[in-house]
């Protein structure tokens, strides 16, 4: 099966390794007033509707994060 891989990297404040396993939990946020819906919703759309994957590859506090989105290519398309 052929896949398209999209890498999304930022130079933001990063994610503490102690909480990295929780970032896709609905309602979890490190931001004051944050709702914790962005990453869980993005992952749900990618996995349930597009049969792909969204994952955190690496993150360093104070240096940013790298996420990868992997999506299958529909037959007959490339």
N, C-alpha and C. Protein backbone atom coordinates (compact mmCIF):
# COMPACT_ATOMS: atom_id res chain seq x y z
N UNK A 1 0.84 -1.18 0.00
CA UNK A 1 0.00 0.00 0.00
C UNK A 1 0.88 1.24 0.00
N UNK A 2 0.57 2.16 -0.87
CA UNK A 2 1.33 3.39 -0.98
C UNK A 2 0.80 4.44 0.00
N UNK A 3 1.72 5.19 0.56
CA UNK A 3 1.35 6.23 1.53
C UNK A 3 1.96 7.57 1.15
N UNK A 4 1.29 8.61 1.58
CA UNK A 4 1.85 9.96 1.52
C UNK A 4 2.20 10.33 2.95
N UNK A 5 3.39 10.87 3.13
CA UNK A 5 3.83 11.29 4.46
C UNK A 5 3.98 12.81 4.47
N UNK A 6 3.37 13.43 5.46
CA UNK A 6 3.45 14.88 5.64
C UNK A 6 4.09 15.13 6.99
N UNK A 7 5.16 15.90 7.00
CA UNK A 7 5.82 16.27 8.25
C UNK A 7 5.46 17.71 8.58
N UNK A 8 5.08 17.93 9.83
CA UNK A 8 4.75 19.27 10.31
C UNK A 8 5.64 19.56 11.51
N UNK A 9 6.49 20.57 11.35
CA UNK A 9 7.44 20.91 12.41
C UNK A 9 7.26 22.37 12.80
N UNK A 10 7.39 22.64 14.08
CA UNK A 10 7.31 24.03 14.55
C UNK A 10 8.51 24.34 15.43
N UNK A 11 8.66 25.59 15.76
CA UNK A 11 9.73 25.99 16.66
C UNK A 11 9.14 26.61 17.92
N UNK A 12 8.00 26.05 18.34
CA UNK A 12 7.28 26.53 19.51
C UNK A 12 7.90 26.08 20.81
N UNK A 13 7.08 26.04 21.83
CA UNK A 13 7.62 25.75 23.17
C UNK A 13 7.84 24.27 23.42
N UNK A 14 7.42 23.41 22.53
CA UNK A 14 7.67 21.98 22.68
C UNK A 14 6.78 21.31 23.71
N UNK A 15 6.96 20.02 23.86
CA UNK A 15 6.14 19.21 24.76
C UNK A 15 7.07 18.49 25.74
N UNK A 16 6.77 18.64 27.00
CA UNK A 16 7.55 17.97 28.03
C UNK A 16 7.38 16.46 27.87
N UNK A 17 8.46 15.69 27.86
CA UNK A 17 8.36 14.23 27.72
C UNK A 17 7.44 13.58 28.75
N UNK A 18 7.30 14.20 29.92
CA UNK A 18 6.44 13.64 30.97
C UNK A 18 4.97 13.63 30.56
N UNK A 19 4.56 14.52 29.67
CA UNK A 19 3.15 14.60 29.28
C UNK A 19 2.91 14.22 27.82
N UNK A 20 3.96 13.87 27.09
CA UNK A 20 3.83 13.57 25.66
C UNK A 20 2.81 12.46 25.39
N UNK A 21 2.70 11.50 26.28
CA UNK A 21 1.76 10.39 26.07
C UNK A 21 0.30 10.84 26.21
N UNK A 22 0.07 12.03 26.73
CA UNK A 22 -1.31 12.51 26.97
C UNK A 22 -1.82 13.50 25.92
N UNK A 23 -0.98 13.93 25.00
CA UNK A 23 -1.37 15.04 24.13
C UNK A 23 -2.54 14.74 23.20
N UNK A 24 -2.85 13.49 22.97
CA UNK A 24 -3.99 13.14 22.11
C UNK A 24 -5.25 12.81 22.92
N UNK A 25 -5.20 12.99 24.24
CA UNK A 25 -6.37 12.76 25.08
C UNK A 25 -7.30 13.97 25.00
N UNK A 26 -8.58 13.76 24.69
CA UNK A 26 -9.52 14.88 24.67
C UNK A 26 -9.56 15.57 26.04
N UNK A 27 -9.49 16.88 26.02
CA UNK A 27 -9.55 17.65 27.26
C UNK A 27 -8.22 17.95 27.90
N UNK A 28 -7.15 17.31 27.43
CA UNK A 28 -5.84 17.57 28.02
C UNK A 28 -5.21 18.78 27.32
N UNK A 29 -4.77 19.74 28.09
CA UNK A 29 -4.10 20.92 27.54
C UNK A 29 -3.09 21.44 28.54
N UNK A 30 -1.99 21.96 28.01
CA UNK A 30 -1.00 22.61 28.86
C UNK A 30 -1.20 24.12 28.85
N UNK A 31 -2.09 24.59 28.01
CA UNK A 31 -2.34 26.03 27.90
C UNK A 31 -3.44 26.46 28.85
N UNK A 32 -3.23 27.59 29.47
CA UNK A 32 -4.26 28.17 30.34
C UNK A 32 -5.46 28.52 29.47
N UNK A 33 -6.61 28.01 29.84
CA UNK A 33 -7.82 28.26 29.06
C UNK A 33 -7.95 27.37 27.84
N UNK A 34 -6.99 26.48 27.61
CA UNK A 34 -7.05 25.58 26.46
C UNK A 34 -8.12 24.51 26.66
N UNK A 35 -8.75 24.11 25.59
CA UNK A 35 -9.81 23.09 25.66
C UNK A 35 -9.28 21.68 25.42
N UNK A 36 -8.10 21.55 24.87
CA UNK A 36 -7.55 20.22 24.62
C UNK A 36 -8.29 19.45 23.55
N UNK A 37 -8.73 20.14 22.51
CA UNK A 37 -9.49 19.47 21.45
C UNK A 37 -8.74 19.38 20.13
N UNK A 38 -7.75 20.23 19.90
CA UNK A 38 -7.08 20.30 18.61
C UNK A 38 -6.43 19.00 18.15
N UNK A 39 -5.49 18.50 18.92
CA UNK A 39 -4.80 17.27 18.52
C UNK A 39 -5.71 16.04 18.53
N UNK A 40 -6.58 15.87 19.55
CA UNK A 40 -7.48 14.72 19.50
C UNK A 40 -8.41 14.75 18.27
N UNK A 41 -8.90 15.93 17.92
CA UNK A 41 -9.78 16.04 16.76
C UNK A 41 -9.01 15.78 15.47
N UNK A 42 -7.81 16.34 15.35
CA UNK A 42 -6.99 16.10 14.17
C UNK A 42 -6.71 14.60 14.00
N UNK A 43 -6.35 13.95 15.10
CA UNK A 43 -6.04 12.51 15.02
C UNK A 43 -7.29 11.71 14.63
N UNK A 44 -8.43 12.08 15.19
CA UNK A 44 -9.66 11.35 14.87
C UNK A 44 -10.01 11.49 13.39
N UNK A 45 -9.92 12.70 12.87
CA UNK A 45 -10.22 12.92 11.44
C UNK A 45 -9.27 12.11 10.58
N UNK A 46 -7.98 12.19 10.88
CA UNK A 46 -6.98 11.47 10.07
C UNK A 46 -7.16 9.97 10.15
N UNK A 47 -7.39 9.44 11.34
CA UNK A 47 -7.49 7.98 11.50
C UNK A 47 -8.84 7.42 11.07
N UNK A 48 -9.94 8.03 11.53
CA UNK A 48 -11.26 7.46 11.27
C UNK A 48 -11.81 7.76 9.89
N UNK A 49 -11.53 8.95 9.38
CA UNK A 49 -12.11 9.34 8.09
C UNK A 49 -11.17 9.11 6.91
N UNK A 50 -9.87 9.15 7.18
CA UNK A 50 -8.91 9.00 6.09
C UNK A 50 -8.04 7.76 6.22
N UNK A 51 -8.25 6.98 7.27
CA UNK A 51 -7.54 5.71 7.51
C UNK A 51 -6.03 5.90 7.53
N UNK A 52 -5.60 7.02 8.10
CA UNK A 52 -4.19 7.32 8.20
C UNK A 52 -3.72 7.30 9.64
N UNK A 53 -2.59 7.94 9.88
CA UNK A 53 -2.02 8.01 11.22
C UNK A 53 -1.47 9.41 11.47
N UNK A 54 -1.60 9.86 12.70
CA UNK A 54 -0.99 11.10 13.16
C UNK A 54 -0.19 10.75 14.39
N UNK A 55 1.08 11.12 14.39
CA UNK A 55 1.90 10.79 15.55
C UNK A 55 2.94 11.87 15.81
N UNK A 56 3.31 11.97 17.06
CA UNK A 56 4.39 12.85 17.47
C UNK A 56 5.69 12.09 17.28
N UNK A 57 6.60 12.65 16.51
CA UNK A 57 7.88 11.99 16.26
C UNK A 57 8.91 12.42 17.30
N UNK A 58 8.98 13.74 17.52
CA UNK A 58 9.91 14.23 18.55
C UNK A 58 9.47 15.61 19.01
N UNK A 59 9.88 15.95 20.19
CA UNK A 59 9.60 17.26 20.75
C UNK A 59 10.63 17.56 21.82
N UNK A 60 11.06 18.80 21.85
CA UNK A 60 12.02 19.24 22.86
C UNK A 60 11.49 20.52 23.49
N UNK A 61 11.32 20.54 24.80
CA UNK A 61 10.85 21.76 25.45
C UNK A 61 11.73 22.96 25.05
N UNK A 62 11.07 24.03 24.64
CA UNK A 62 11.77 25.23 24.22
C UNK A 62 12.30 25.23 22.80
N UNK A 63 12.14 24.10 22.09
CA UNK A 63 12.71 24.01 20.75
C UNK A 63 11.69 23.61 19.68
N UNK A 64 10.53 23.08 20.07
CA UNK A 64 9.52 22.73 19.08
C UNK A 64 9.23 21.24 18.99
N UNK A 65 8.37 20.92 18.01
CA UNK A 65 7.89 19.54 17.86
C UNK A 65 7.82 19.16 16.39
N UNK A 66 7.88 17.86 16.14
CA UNK A 66 7.72 17.31 14.80
C UNK A 66 6.62 16.27 14.84
N UNK A 67 5.57 16.49 14.05
CA UNK A 67 4.48 15.53 13.89
C UNK A 67 4.52 14.97 12.49
N UNK A 68 4.07 13.73 12.33
CA UNK A 68 3.98 13.11 11.02
C UNK A 68 2.55 12.64 10.79
N UNK A 69 2.05 12.93 9.60
CA UNK A 69 0.74 12.45 9.14
C UNK A 69 1.02 11.49 8.00
N UNK A 70 0.48 10.28 8.10
CA UNK A 70 0.64 9.28 7.04
C UNK A 70 -0.75 8.93 6.53
N UNK A 71 -0.93 9.10 5.22
CA UNK A 71 -2.22 8.84 4.59
C UNK A 71 -2.08 7.85 3.47
N UNK A 72 -2.99 6.88 3.37
CA UNK A 72 -2.93 5.94 2.25
C UNK A 72 -3.33 6.65 0.96
N UNK A 73 -2.74 6.22 -0.13
CA UNK A 73 -3.10 6.74 -1.44
C UNK A 73 -4.17 5.83 -2.03
N UNK A 74 -5.26 6.43 -2.48
CA UNK A 74 -6.35 5.64 -3.07
C UNK A 74 -5.85 4.98 -4.35
N UNK A 75 -6.33 3.75 -4.61
CA UNK A 75 -5.93 3.05 -5.83
C UNK A 75 -6.29 3.88 -7.04
N UNK A 76 -5.40 3.87 -8.01
CA UNK A 76 -5.63 4.64 -9.23
C UNK A 76 -5.14 6.06 -9.13
N UNK A 77 -4.61 6.43 -7.95
CA UNK A 77 -4.08 7.79 -7.74
C UNK A 77 -2.67 7.69 -7.22
N UNK A 78 -1.88 8.67 -7.53
CA UNK A 78 -0.52 8.76 -6.96
C UNK A 78 -0.01 10.16 -7.04
